Amino acid sequence: MFVGVGTGDADLLTVRASRLLADCGTCLFEGVHGLHEVLSLCSPRARLVDTTGMPVSDVIAEIREASGRGDRVVRLIPGEPSMYRGVAQEVRALEAAGVGWQIVPGVPVVAAA
């Protein structure tokens, strides 16, 4: 599940994004700068994985492993997922691996203003 975090403010997440974070078993994100409040919405039992500097193949391996354990997986995307070029690459890799995915849009910065 690719979840857009928009501006990165937890109070500007969509209701759906907040629910997904609370229910996830594994949350992948890139860098913690500005995400502490968002990550605090995850269950204390959730596995948090910082993907900073991680090749796409390793990110996909993390998602596959977590999915294989039965975890609900959230992949946090800065801003709007449809505008983040890395999402397309990860989606193609997930499709090739037979792993389902979905995009949950964030609140765009322009709307948050």
PDB file of N, CA and C in Angstrom:
ATOM      1  N   MET A   1       0.837  -1.154   0.000  1.00  0.00           N
ATOM      2  CA  MET A   1       0.000   0.000   0.000  1.00  0.00           C
ATOM      3  C   MET A   1       0.894   1.233   0.000  1.00  0.00           C
ATOM      4  N   PHE A   2       0.848   2.016  -1.042  1.00  0.00           N
ATOM      5  CA  PHE A   2       1.606   3.258  -1.115  1.00  0.00           C
ATOM      6  C   PHE A   2       0.732   4.364  -0.549  1.00  0.00           C
ATOM      7  N   VAL A   3       1.193   5.011   0.513  1.00  0.00           N
ATOM      8  CA  VAL A   3       0.404   6.026   1.193  1.00  0.00           C
ATOM      9  C   VAL A   3       1.127   7.357   1.117  1.00  0.00           C
ATOM     10  N   GLY A   4       0.450   8.337   0.529  1.00  0.00           N
ATOM     11  CA  GLY A   4       1.016   9.679   0.441  1.00  0.00           C
ATOM     12  C   GLY A   4       0.895  10.393   1.775  1.00  0.00           C
ATOM     13  N   VAL A   5       1.983  11.031   2.196  1.00  0.00           N
ATOM     14  CA  VAL A   5       1.953  11.773   3.456  1.00  0.00           C
ATOM     15  C   VAL A   5       1.857  13.269   3.231  1.00  0.00           C
ATOM     16  N   GLY A   6       1.647  13.679   1.978  1.00  0.00           N
ATOM     17  CA  GLY A   6       1.476  15.108   1.700  1.00  0.00           C
ATOM     18  C   GLY A   6       2.613  15.921   2.276  1.00  0.00           C
ATOM     19  N   THR A   7       2.267  16.867   3.135  1.00  0.00           N
ATOM     20  CA  THR A   7       3.267  17.757   3.733  1.00  0.00           C
ATOM     21  C   THR A   7       4.073  17.081   4.832  1.00  0.00           C
ATOM     22  N   GLY A   8       3.615  15.919   5.284  1.00  0.00           N
ATOM     23  CA  GLY A   8       4.303  15.194   6.344  1.00  0.00           C
ATOM     24  C   GLY A   8       3.734  15.465   7.718  1.00  0.00           C
ATOM     25  N   ASP A   9       2.728  16.343   7.797  1.00  0.00           N
ATOM     26  CA  ASP A   9       2.071  16.625   9.077  1.00  0.00           C
ATOM     27  C   ASP A   9       1.028  15.550   9.357  1.00  0.00           C
ATOM     28  N   ALA A  10       1.102  14.930  10.532  1.00  0.00           N
ATOM     29  CA  ALA A  10       0.172  13.852  10.865  1.00  0.00           C
ATOM     30  C   ALA A  10      -1.276  14.314  10.867  1.00  0.00           C
ATOM     31  N   ASP A  11      -1.518  15.565  11.230  1.00  0.00           N
ATOM     32  CA  ASP A  11      -2.905  16.041  11.276  1.00  0.00           C
ATOM     33  C   ASP A  11      -3.444  16.398   9.892  1.00  0.00           C
ATOM     34  N   LEU A  12      -2.610  16.276   8.869  1.00  0.00           N
ATOM     35  CA  LEU A  12      -3.070  16.503   7.499  1.00  0.00           C
ATOM     36  C   LEU A  12      -3.137  15.211   6.685  1.00  0.00           C
ATOM     37  N   LEU A  13      -2.978  14.067   7.352  1.00  0.00           N
ATOM     38  CA  LEU A  13      -3.160  12.785   6.671  1.00  0.00           C
ATOM     39  C   LEU A  13      -4.645  12.546   6.444  1.00  0.00           C
ATOM     40  N   THR A  14      -4.952  11.767   5.432  1.00  0.00           N
ATOM     41  CA  THR A  14      -6.350  11.390   5.251  1.00  0.00           C
ATOM     42  C   THR A  14      -6.738  10.411   6.354  1.00  0.00           C
ATOM     43  N   VAL A  15      -8.033  10.282   6.586  1.00  0.00           N
ATOM     44  CA  VAL A  15      -8.527   9.329   7.581  1.00  0.00           C
ATOM     45  C   VAL A  15      -8.077   7.929   7.196  1.00  0.00           C
ATOM     46  N   ARG A  16      -8.164   7.623   5.916  1.00  0.00           N
ATOM     47  CA  ARG A  16      -7.757   6.296   5.443  1.00  0.00           C
ATOM     48  C   ARG A  16      -6.277   6.039   5.715  1.00  0.00           C
ATOM     49  N   ALA A  17      -5.443   7.030   5.444  1.00  0.00           N
ATOM     50  CA  ALA A  17      -4.003   6.871   5.686  1.00  0.00           C
ATOM     51  C   ALA A  17      -3.741   6.626   7.170  1.00  0.00           C
ATOM     52  N   SER A  18      -4.413   7.357   8.037  1.00  0.00           N
ATOM     53  CA  SER A  18      -4.241   7.176   9.485  1.00  0.00           C
ATOM     54  C   SER A  18      -4.649   5.774   9.918  1.00  0.00           C
ATOM     55  N   ARG A  19      -5.759   5.280   9.372  1.00  0.00           N
ATOM     56  CA  ARG A  19      -6.220   3.920   9.708  1.00  0.00           C
ATOM     57  C   ARG A  19      -5.222   2.877   9.234  1.00  0.00           C
ATOM     58  N   LEU A  20      -4.716   3.048   8.028  1.00  0.00           N
ATOM     59  CA  LEU A  20      -3.758   2.084   7.491  1.00  0.00           C
ATOM     60  C   LEU A  20      -2.488   2.042   8.332  1.00  0.00           C
ATOM     61  N   LEU A  21      -2.018   3.196   8.760  1.00  0.00           N
ATOM     62  CA  LEU A  21      -0.830   3.235   9.609  1.00  0.00           C
ATOM     63  C   LEU A  21      -1.079   2.531  10.939  1.00  0.00           C
ATOM     64  N   ALA A  22      -2.237   2.766  11.529  1.00  0.00           N
ATOM     65  CA  ALA A  22      -2.563   2.148  12.818  1.00  0.00           C
ATOM     66  C   ALA A  22      -2.661   0.633  12.709  1.00  0.00           C
ATOM     67  N   ASP A  23      -3.045   0.136  11.528  1.00  0.00           N
ATOM     68  CA  ASP A  23      -3.253  -1.300  11.333  1.00  0.00           C
ATOM     69  C   ASP A  23      -2.080  -2.025  10.683  1.00  0.00           C
ATOM     70  N   CYS A  24      -1.034  -1.306  10.296  1.00  0.00           N
ATOM     71  CA  CYS A  24       0.036  -1.973   9.550  1.00  0.00           C
ATOM     72  C   CYS A  24       0.953  -2.753  10.476  1.00  0.00           C
ATOM     73  N   GLY A  25       1.525  -3.810   9.919  1.00  0.00           N
ATOM     74  CA  GLY A  25       2.521  -4.606  10.633  1.00  0.00           C
ATOM     75  C   GLY A  25       3.923  -4.195  10.257  1.00  0.00           C
ATOM     76  N   THR A  26       4.055  -3.610   9.066  1.00  0.00           N
ATOM     77  CA  THR A  26       5.343  -3.117   8.587  1.00  0.00           C
ATOM     78  C   THR A  26       5.116  -1.790   7.880  1.00  0.00           C
ATOM     79  N   CYS A  27       5.937  -0.807   8.219  1.00  0.00           N
ATOM     80  CA  CYS A  27       5.864   0.513   7.580  1.00  0.00           C
ATOM     81  C   CYS A  27       7.237   0.854   7.026  1.00  0.00           C
ATOM     82  N   LEU A  28       7.288   1.078   5.724  1.00  0.00           N
ATOM     83  CA  LEU A  28       8.528   1.467   5.074  1.00  0.00           C
ATOM     84  C   LEU A  28       8.462   2.959   4.769  1.00  0.00           C
ATOM     85  N   PHE A  29       9.536   3.655   5.005  1.00  0.00           N
ATOM     86  CA  PHE A  29       9.579   5.103   4.813  1.00  0.00           C
ATOM     87  C   PHE A  29      10.994   5.495   4.435  1.00  0.00           C
ATOM     88  N   GLU A  30      11.146   6.695   3.911  1.00  0.00           N
ATOM     89  CA  GLU A  30      12.468   7.168   3.534  1.00  0.00           C
ATOM     90  C   GLU A  30      12.840   8.336   4.431  1.00  0.00           C
ATOM     91  N   GLY A  31      13.792   8.092   5.312  1.00  0.00           N
ATOM     92  CA  GLY A  31      14.254   9.138   6.229  1.00  0.00           C
ATOM     93  C   GLY A  31      13.207   9.506   7.251  1.00  0.00           C
ATOM     94  N   VAL A  32      13.619   9.805   8.458  1.00  0.00           N
ATOM     95  CA  VAL A  32      12.668  10.130   9.505  1.00  0.00           C
ATOM     96  C   VAL A  32      12.467  11.630   9.651  1.00  0.00           C
ATOM     97  N   HIS A  33      13.220  12.426   8.921  1.00  0.00           N
ATOM     98  CA  HIS A  33      13.097  13.879   9.048  1.00  0.00           C
ATOM     99  C   HIS A  33      11.654  14.312   8.796  1.00  0.00           C
ATOM    100  N   GLY A  34      11.033  14.845   9.820  1.00  0.00           N
ATOM    101  CA  GLY A  34       9.670  15.331   9.695  1.00  0.00           C
ATOM    102  C   GLY A  34       8.595  14.266   9.758  1.00  0.00           C
ATOM    103  N   LEU A  35       8.965  13.005   9.936  1.00  0.00           N
ATOM    104  CA  LEU A  35       7.982  11.931   9.932  1.00  0.00           C
ATOM    105  C   LEU A  35       7.721  11.336  11.317  1.00  0.00           C
ATOM    106  N   HIS A  36       8.374  11.829  12.341  1.00  0.00           N
ATOM    107  CA  HIS A  36       8.210  11.244  13.684  1.00  0.00           C
ATOM    108  C   HIS A  36       6.740  11.185  14.089  1.00  0.00           C
ATOM    109  N   GLU A  37       6.009  12.265  13.868  1.00  0.00           N
ATOM    110  CA  GLU A  37       4.601  12.309  14.249  1.00  0.00           C
ATOM    111  C   GLU A  37       3.773  11.315  13.430  1.00  0.00           C
ATOM    112  N   VAL A  38       4.076  11.208  12.144  1.00  0.00           N
ATOM    113  CA  VAL A  38       3.362  10.257  11.279  1.00  0.00           C
ATOM    114  C   VAL A  38       3.679   8.831  11.707  1.00  0.00           C
ATOM    115  N   LEU A  39       4.942   8.531  11.947  1.00  0.00           N
ATOM    116  CA  LEU A  39       5.336   7.179  12.344  1.00  0.00           C
ATOM    117  C   LEU A  39       4.769   6.801  13.707  1.00  0.00           C
ATOM    118  N   SER A  40       4.506   7.787  14.542  1.00  0.00           N
ATOM    119  CA  SER A  40       3.931   7.495  15.865  1.00  0.00           C
ATOM    120  C   SER A  40       2.503   6.969  15.753  1.00  0.00           C
ATOM    121  N   LEU A  41       1.884   7.097  14.593  1.00  0.00           N
ATOM    122  CA  LEU A  41       0.536   6.561  14.377  1.00  0.00           C
ATOM    123  C   LEU A  41       0.550   5.046  14.166  1.00  0.00           C
ATOM    124  N   CYS A  42       1.732   4.506  13.880  1.00  0.00           N
ATOM    125  CA  CYS A  42       1.861   3.053  13.703  1.00  0.00           C
ATOM    126  C   CYS A  42       1.723   2.360  15.045  1.00  0.00           C
ATOM    127  N   SER A  43       1.262   1.134  14.984  1.00  0.00           N
ATOM    128  CA  SER A  43       1.177   0.308  16.190  1.00  0.00           C
ATOM    129  C   SER A  43       2.574   0.162  16.794  1.00  0.00           C
ATOM    130  N   PRO A  44       2.663   0.099  18.124  1.00  0.00           N
ATOM    131  CA  PRO A  44       3.978  -0.133  18.745  1.00  0.00           C
ATOM    132  C   PRO A  44       4.610  -1.451  18.295  1.00  0.00           C
ATOM    133  N   ARG A  45       3.794  -2.371  17.813  1.00  0.00           N
ATOM    134  CA  ARG A  45       4.300  -3.677  17.337  1.00  0.00           C
ATOM    135  C   ARG A  45       4.769  -3.618  15.879  1.00  0.00           C
ATOM    136  N   ALA A  46       4.470  -2.519  15.191  1.00  0.00           N
ATOM    137  CA  ALA A  46       4.823  -2.429  13.765  1.00  0.00           C
ATOM    138  C   ALA A  46       6.335  -2.390  13.585  1.00  0.00           C
ATOM    139  N   ARG A  47       6.762  -3.023  12.539  1.00  0.00           N
ATOM    140  CA  ARG A  47       8.177  -3.005  12.163  1.00  0.00           C
ATOM    141  C   ARG A  47       8.385  -1.779  11.278  1.00  0.00           C
ATOM    142  N   LEU A  48       9.266  -0.870  11.684  1.00  0.00           N
ATOM    143  CA  LEU A  48       9.543   0.350  10.926  1.00  0.00           C
ATOM    144  C   LEU A  48      10.857   0.170  10.178  1.00  0.00           C
ATOM    145  N   VAL A  49      10.811   0.396   8.859  1.00  0.00           N
ATOM    146  CA  VAL A  49      11.989   0.165   8.019  1.00  0.00           C
ATOM    147  C   VAL A  49      12.323   1.444   7.262  1.00  0.00           C
ATOM    148  N   ASP A  50      13.489   2.021   7.575  1.00  0.00           N
ATOM    149  CA  ASP A  50      13.963   3.211   6.865  1.00  0.00           C
ATOM    150  C   ASP A  50      14.646   2.745   5.578  1.00  0.00           C
ATOM    151  N   THR A  51      14.108   3.170   4.451  1.00  0.00           N
ATOM    152  CA  THR A  51      14.620   2.708   3.161  1.00  0.00           C
ATOM    153  C   THR A  51      15.620   3.679   2.535  1.00  0.00           C
ATOM    154  N   THR A  52      16.070   4.656   3.293  1.00  0.00           N
ATOM    155  CA  THR A  52      17.023   5.632   2.775  1.00  0.00           C
ATOM    156  C   THR A  52      18.259   4.916   2.217  1.00  0.00           C
ATOM    157  N   GLY A  53      18.550   5.191   0.968  1.00  0.00           N
ATOM    158  CA  GLY A  53      19.717   4.596   0.320  1.00  0.00           C
ATOM    159  C   GLY A  53      19.555   3.142  -0.082  1.00  0.00           C
ATOM    160  N   MET A  54      18.392   2.575   0.152  1.00  0.00           N
ATOM    161  CA  MET A  54      18.151   1.165  -0.150  1.00  0.00           C
ATOM    162  C   MET A  54      17.793   1.013  -1.635  1.00  0.00           C
ATOM    163  N   PRO A  55      18.416   0.080  -2.340  1.00  0.00           N
ATOM    164  CA  PRO A  55      18.036  -0.148  -3.736  1.00  0.00           C
ATOM    165  C   PRO A  55      16.597  -0.670  -3.817  1.00  0.00           C
ATOM    166  N   VAL A  56      15.952  -0.412  -4.942  1.00  0.00           N
ATOM    167  CA  VAL A  56      14.560  -0.839  -5.135  1.00  0.00           C
ATOM    168  C   VAL A  56      14.413  -2.336  -4.892  1.00  0.00           C
ATOM    169  N   SER A  57      15.386  -3.120  -5.319  1.00  0.00           N
ATOM    170  CA  SER A  57      15.287  -4.572  -5.133  1.00  0.00           C
ATOM    171  C   SER A  57      15.198  -4.930  -3.654  1.00  0.00           C
ATOM    172  N   ASP A  58      15.908  -4.205  -2.793  1.00  0.00           N
ATOM    173  CA  ASP A  58      15.845  -4.474  -1.353  1.00  0.00           C
ATOM    174  C   ASP A  58      14.513  -4.014  -0.766  1.00  0.00           C
ATOM    175  N   VAL A  59      13.989  -2.883  -1.260  1.00  0.00           N
ATOM    176  CA  VAL A  59      12.683  -2.396  -0.802  1.00  0.00           C
ATOM    177  C   VAL A  59      11.620  -3.433  -1.145  1.00  0.00           C
ATOM    178  N   ILE A  60      11.670  -3.935  -2.377  1.00  0.00           N
ATOM    179  CA  ILE A  60      10.696  -4.937  -2.814  1.00  0.00           C
ATOM    180  C   ILE A  60      10.849  -6.213  -1.990  1.00  0.00           C
ATOM    181  N   ALA A  61      12.078  -6.602  -1.682  1.00  0.00           N
ATOM    182  CA  ALA A  61      12.302  -7.792  -0.854  1.00  0.00           C
ATOM    183  C   ALA A  61      11.694  -7.599   0.533  1.00  0.00           C
ATOM    184  N   GLU A  62      11.831  -6.403   1.094  1.00  0.00           N
ATOM    185  CA  GLU A  62      11.224  -6.106   2.411  1.00  0.00           C
ATOM    186  C   GLU A  62       9.702  -6.228   2.334  1.00  0.00           C
ATOM    187  N   ILE A  63       9.113  -5.685   1.278  1.00  0.00           N
ATOM    188  CA  ILE A  63       7.661  -5.738   1.116  1.00  0.00           C
ATOM    189  C   ILE A  63       7.195  -7.179   0.937  1.00  0.00           C
ATOM    190  N   ARG A  64       7.903  -7.930   0.112  1.00  0.00           N
ATOM    191  CA  ARG A  64       7.533  -9.336  -0.117  1.00  0.00           C
ATOM    192  C   ARG A  64       7.638 -10.149   1.167  1.00  0.00           C
ATOM    193  N   GLU A  65       8.714  -9.938   1.916  1.00  0.00           N
ATOM    194  CA  GLU A  65       8.913 -10.669   3.167  1.00  0.00           C
ATOM    195  C   GLU A  65       7.793 -10.333   4.161  1.00  0.00           C
ATOM    196  N   ALA A  66       7.480  -9.050   4.288  1.00  0.00           N
ATOM    197  CA  ALA A  66       6.428  -8.625   5.227  1.00  0.00           C
ATOM    198  C   ALA A  66       5.073  -9.170   4.789  1.00  0.00           C
ATOM    199  N   SER A  67       4.798  -9.116   3.502  1.00  0.00           N
ATOM    200  CA  SER A  67       3.536  -9.655   2.980  1.00  0.00           C
ATOM    201  C   SER A  67       3.458 -11.156   3.221  1.00  0.00           C
ATOM    202  N   GLY A  68       4.579 -11.820   3.047  1.00  0.00           N
ATOM    203  CA  GLY A  68       4.641 -13.261   3.278  1.00  0.00           C
ATOM    204  C   GLY A  68       4.362 -13.641   4.720  1.00  0.00           C
ATOM    205  N   ARG A  69       4.700 -12.739   5.647  1.00  0.00           N
ATOM    206  CA  ARG A  69       4.410 -12.968   7.068  1.00  0.00           C
ATOM    207  C   ARG A  69       2.951 -12.656   7.393  1.00  0.00           C
ATOM    208  N   GLY A  70       2.248 -12.089   6.423  1.00  0.00           N
ATOM    209  CA  GLY A  70       0.860 -11.709   6.664  1.00  0.00           C
ATOM    210  C   GLY A  70       0.698 -10.295   7.172  1.00  0.00           C
ATOM    211  N   ASP A  71       1.776  -9.522   7.170  1.00  0.00           N
ATOM    212  CA  ASP A  71       1.699  -8.129   7.605  1.00  0.00           C
ATOM    213  C   ASP A  71       0.939  -7.281   6.600  1.00  0.00           C
ATOM    214  N   ARG A  72       0.201  -6.326   7.112  1.00  0.00           N
ATOM    215  CA  ARG A  72      -0.300  -5.246   6.256  1.00  0.00           C
ATOM    216  C   ARG A  72       0.883  -4.308   6.103  1.00  0.00           C
ATOM    217  N   VAL A  73       1.207  -3.986   4.873  1.00  0.00           N
ATOM    218  CA  VAL A  73       2.397  -3.185   4.598  1.00  0.00           C
ATOM    219  C   VAL A  73       1.994  -1.801   4.122  1.00  0.00           C
ATOM    220  N   VAL A  74       2.618  -0.783   4.711  1.00  0.00           N
ATOM    221  CA  VAL A  74       2.437   0.592   4.268  1.00  0.00           C
ATOM    222  C   VAL A  74       3.786   1.104   3.804  1.00  0.00           C
ATOM    223  N   ARG A  75       3.799   1.654   2.614  1.00  0.00           N
ATOM    224  CA  ARG A  75       5.004   2.291   2.059  1.00  0.00           C
ATOM    225  C   ARG A  75       4.695   3.776   2.014  1.00  0.00           C
ATOM    226  N   LEU A  76       5.267   4.551   2.956  1.00  0.00           N
ATOM    227  CA  LEU A  76       5.016   5.985   2.994  1.00  0.00           C
ATOM    228  C   LEU A  76       5.757   6.682   1.865  1.00  0.00           C
ATOM    229  N   ILE A  77       5.045   7.578   1.206  1.00  0.00           N
ATOM    230  CA  ILE A  77       5.606   8.318   0.082  1.00  0.00           C
ATOM    231  C   ILE A  77       5.504   9.805   0.398  1.00  0.00           C
ATOM    232  N   PRO A  78       6.625  10.522   0.304  1.00  0.00           N
ATOM    233  CA  PRO A  78       6.559  11.962   0.548  1.00  0.00           C
ATOM    234  C   PRO A  78       5.691  12.639  -0.502  1.00  0.00           C
ATOM    235  N   GLY A  79       4.883  13.587  -0.086  1.00  0.00           N
ATOM    236  CA  GLY A  79       4.032  14.302  -1.031  1.00  0.00           C
ATOM    237  C   GLY A  79       2.922  13.428  -1.568  1.00  0.00           C
ATOM    238  N   GLU A  80       2.739  13.497  -2.850  1.00  0.00           N
ATOM    239  CA  GLU A  80       1.666  12.790  -3.545  1.00  0.00           C
ATOM    240  C   GLU A  80       2.261  11.604  -4.315  1.00  0.00           C
ATOM    241  N   PRO A  81       1.818  10.377  -4.024  1.00  0.00           N
ATOM    242  CA  PRO A  81       2.418   9.195  -4.659  1.00  0.00           C
ATOM    243  C   PRO A  81       2.419   9.235  -6.186  1.00  0.00           C
ATOM    244  N   SER A  82       1.399   9.798  -6.792  1.00  0.00           N
ATOM    245  CA  SER A  82       1.349   9.816  -8.255  1.00  0.00           C
ATOM    246  C   SER A  82       2.410  10.741  -8.854  1.00  0.00           C
ATOM    247  N   MET A  83       2.993  11.600  -8.045  1.00  0.00           N
ATOM    248  CA  MET A  83       4.015  12.522  -8.520  1.00  0.00           C
ATOM    249  C   MET A  83       5.431  12.053  -8.169  1.00  0.00           C
ATOM    250  N   TYR A  84       5.533  10.997  -7.403  1.00  0.00           N
ATOM    251  CA  TYR A  84       6.816  10.498  -6.927  1.00  0.00           C
ATOM    252  C   TYR A  84       7.306   9.442  -7.901  1.00  0.00           C
ATOM    253  N   ARG A  85       8.351   9.728  -8.627  1.00  0.00           N
ATOM    254  CA  ARG A  85       8.775   8.837  -9.712  1.00  0.00           C
ATOM    255  C   ARG A  85       9.183   7.450  -9.247  1.00  0.00           C
ATOM    256  N   GLY A  86       9.646   7.327  -8.012  1.00  0.00           N
ATOM    257  CA  GLY A  86      10.062   6.020  -7.509  1.00  0.00           C
ATOM    258  C   GLY A  86       8.912   5.033  -7.376  1.00  0.00           C
ATOM    259  N   VAL A  87       7.679   5.547  -7.250  1.00  0.00           N
ATOM    260  CA  VAL A  87       6.520   4.667  -7.090  1.00  0.00           C
ATOM    261  C   VAL A  87       6.342   3.793  -8.327  1.00  0.00           C
ATOM    262  N   ALA A  88       6.459   4.376  -9.506  1.00  0.00           N
ATOM    263  CA  ALA A  88       6.272   3.605 -10.743  1.00  0.00           C
ATOM    264  C   ALA A  88       7.265   2.447 -10.819  1.00  0.00           C
ATOM    265  N   GLN A  89       8.481   2.695 -10.442  1.00  0.00           N
ATOM    266  CA  GLN A  89       9.507   1.646 -10.472  1.00  0.00           C
ATOM    267  C   GLN A  89       9.173   0.544  -9.463  1.00  0.00           C
ATOM    268  N   GLU A  90       8.746   0.925  -8.271  1.00  0.00           N
ATOM    269  CA  GLU A  90       8.404  -0.067  -7.256  1.00  0.00           C
ATOM    270  C   GLU A  90       7.149  -0.844  -7.639  1.00  0.00           C
ATOM    271  N   VAL A  91       6.175  -0.164  -8.236  1.00  0.00           N
ATOM    272  CA  VAL A  91       4.945  -0.826  -8.675  1.00  0.00           C
ATOM    273  C   VAL A  91       5.262  -1.890  -9.725  1.00  0.00           C
ATOM    274  N   ARG A  92       6.096  -1.542 -10.686  1.00  0.00           N
ATOM    275  CA  ARG A  92       6.475  -2.521 -11.719  1.00  0.00           C
ATOM    276  C   ARG A  92       7.158  -3.731 -11.096  1.00  0.00           C
ATOM    277  N   ALA A  93       8.032  -3.490 -10.135  1.00  0.00           N
ATOM    278  CA  ALA A  93       8.729  -4.597  -9.475  1.00  0.00           C
ATOM    279  C   ALA A  93       7.767  -5.457  -8.658  1.00  0.00           C
ATOM    280  N   LEU A  94       6.801  -4.825  -7.983  1.00  0.00           N
ATOM    281  CA  LEU A  94       5.815  -5.587  -7.222  1.00  0.00           C
ATOM    282  C   LEU A  94       4.938  -6.422  -8.144  1.00  0.00           C
ATOM    283  N   GLU A  95       4.528  -5.843  -9.261  1.00  0.00           N
ATOM    284  CA  GLU A  95       3.723  -6.597 -10.222  1.00  0.00           C
ATOM    285  C   GLU A  95       4.489  -7.792 -10.754  1.00  0.00           C
ATOM    286  N   ALA A  96       5.767  -7.597 -11.063  1.00  0.00           N
ATOM    287  CA  ALA A  96       6.594  -8.698 -11.561  1.00  0.00           C
ATOM    288  C   ALA A  96       6.733  -9.792 -10.507  1.00  0.00           C
ATOM    289  N   ALA A  97       6.702  -9.406  -9.236  1.00  0.00           N
ATOM    290  CA  ALA A  97       6.838 -10.372  -8.140  1.00  0.00           C
ATOM    291  C   ALA A  97       5.483 -10.952  -7.727  1.00  0.00           C
ATOM    292  N   GLY A  98       4.409 -10.478  -8.351  1.00  0.00           N
ATOM    293  CA  GLY A  98       3.082 -10.989  -8.028  1.00  0.00           C
ATOM    294  C   GLY A  98       2.528 -10.478  -6.705  1.00  0.00           C
ATOM    295  N   VAL A  99       3.001  -9.320  -6.268  1.00  0.00           N
ATOM    296  CA  VAL A  99       2.544  -8.726  -5.009  1.00  0.00           C
ATOM    297  C   VAL A  99       1.541  -7.613  -5.332  1.00  0.00           C
ATOM    298  N   GLY A 100       0.376  -7.670  -4.701  1.00  0.00           N
ATOM    299  CA  GLY A 100      -0.640  -6.651  -4.930  1.00  0.00           C
ATOM    300  C   GLY A 100      -0.253  -5.318  -4.304  1.00  0.00           C
ATOM    301  N   TRP A 101      -0.794  -4.256  -4.843  1.00  0.00           N
ATOM    302  CA  TRP A 101      -0.492  -2.928  -4.328  1.00  0.00           C
ATOM    303  C   TRP A 101      -1.688  -2.006  -4.570  1.00  0.00           C
ATOM    304  N   GLN A 102      -1.685  -0.904  -3.891  1.00  0.00           N
ATOM    305  CA  GLN A 102      -2.730   0.102  -4.037  1.00  0.00           C
ATOM    306  C   GLN A 102      -2.121   1.453  -3.669  1.00  0.00           C
ATOM    307  N   ILE A 103      -2.621   2.513  -4.271  1.00  0.00           N
ATOM    308  CA  ILE A 103      -2.142   3.854  -3.950  1.00  0.00           C
ATOM    309  C   ILE A 103      -3.223   4.592  -3.172  1.00  0.00           C
ATOM    310  N   VAL A 104      -2.824   5.143  -2.034  1.00  0.00           N
ATOM    311  CA  VAL A 104      -3.709   5.959  -1.206  1.00  0.00           C
ATOM    312  C   VAL A 104      -3.155   7.378  -1.267  1.00  0.00           C
ATOM    313  N   PRO A 105      -3.856   8.264  -1.967  1.00  0.00           N
ATOM    314  CA  PRO A 105      -3.358   9.621  -2.126  1.00  0.00           C
ATOM    315  C   PRO A 105      -3.247  10.354  -0.790  1.00  0.00           C
ATOM    316  N   GLY A 106      -2.336  11.306  -0.766  1.00  0.00           N
ATOM    317  CA  GLY A 106      -2.201  12.178   0.397  1.00  0.00           C
ATOM    318  C   GLY A 106      -2.935  13.483   0.130  1.00  0.00           C
ATOM    319  N   VAL A 107      -2.898  14.362   1.100  1.00  0.00           N
ATOM    320  CA  VAL A 107      -3.451  15.697   0.928  1.00  0.00           C
ATOM    321  C   VAL A 107      -2.384  16.532   0.226  1.00  0.00           C
ATOM    322  N   PRO A 108      -2.671  17.001  -1.000  1.00  0.00           N
ATOM    323  CA  PRO A 108      -1.658  17.785  -1.722  1.00  0.00           C
ATOM    324  C   PRO A 108      -1.303  19.064  -0.957  1.00  0.00           C
ATOM    325  N   VAL A 109      -0.072  19.492  -1.091  1.00  0.00           N
ATOM    326  CA  VAL A 109       0.399  20.689  -0.408  1.00  0.00           C
ATOM    327  C   VAL A 109      -0.488  21.885  -0.719  1.00  0.00           C
ATOM    328  N   VAL A 110      -0.896  22.012  -1.963  1.00  0.00           N
ATOM    329  CA  VAL A 110      -1.730  23.144  -2.363  1.00  0.00           C
ATOM    330  C   VAL A 110      -3.083  23.130  -1.637  1.00  0.00           C
ATOM    331  N   ALA A 111      -3.639  21.960  -1.391  1.00  0.00           N
ATOM    332  CA  ALA A 111      -4.897  21.855  -0.665  1.00  0.00           C
ATOM    333  C   ALA A 111      -4.691  22.097   0.824  1.00  0.00           C
ATOM    334  N   ALA A 112      -3.543  21.695   1.335  1.00  0.00           N
ATOM    335  CA  ALA A 112      -3.255  21.883   2.753  1.00  0.00           C
ATOM    336  C   ALA A 112      -3.060  23.360   3.088  1.00  0.00           C
ATOM    337  N   ALA A 113      -2.615  24.126   2.089  1.00  0.00           N
ATOM    338  CA  ALA A 113      -2.390  25.563   2.305  1.00  0.00           C
ATOM    339  C   ALA A 113      -3.726  26.234   2.499  1.00  0.00           C
TER     340      ALA A 113
END
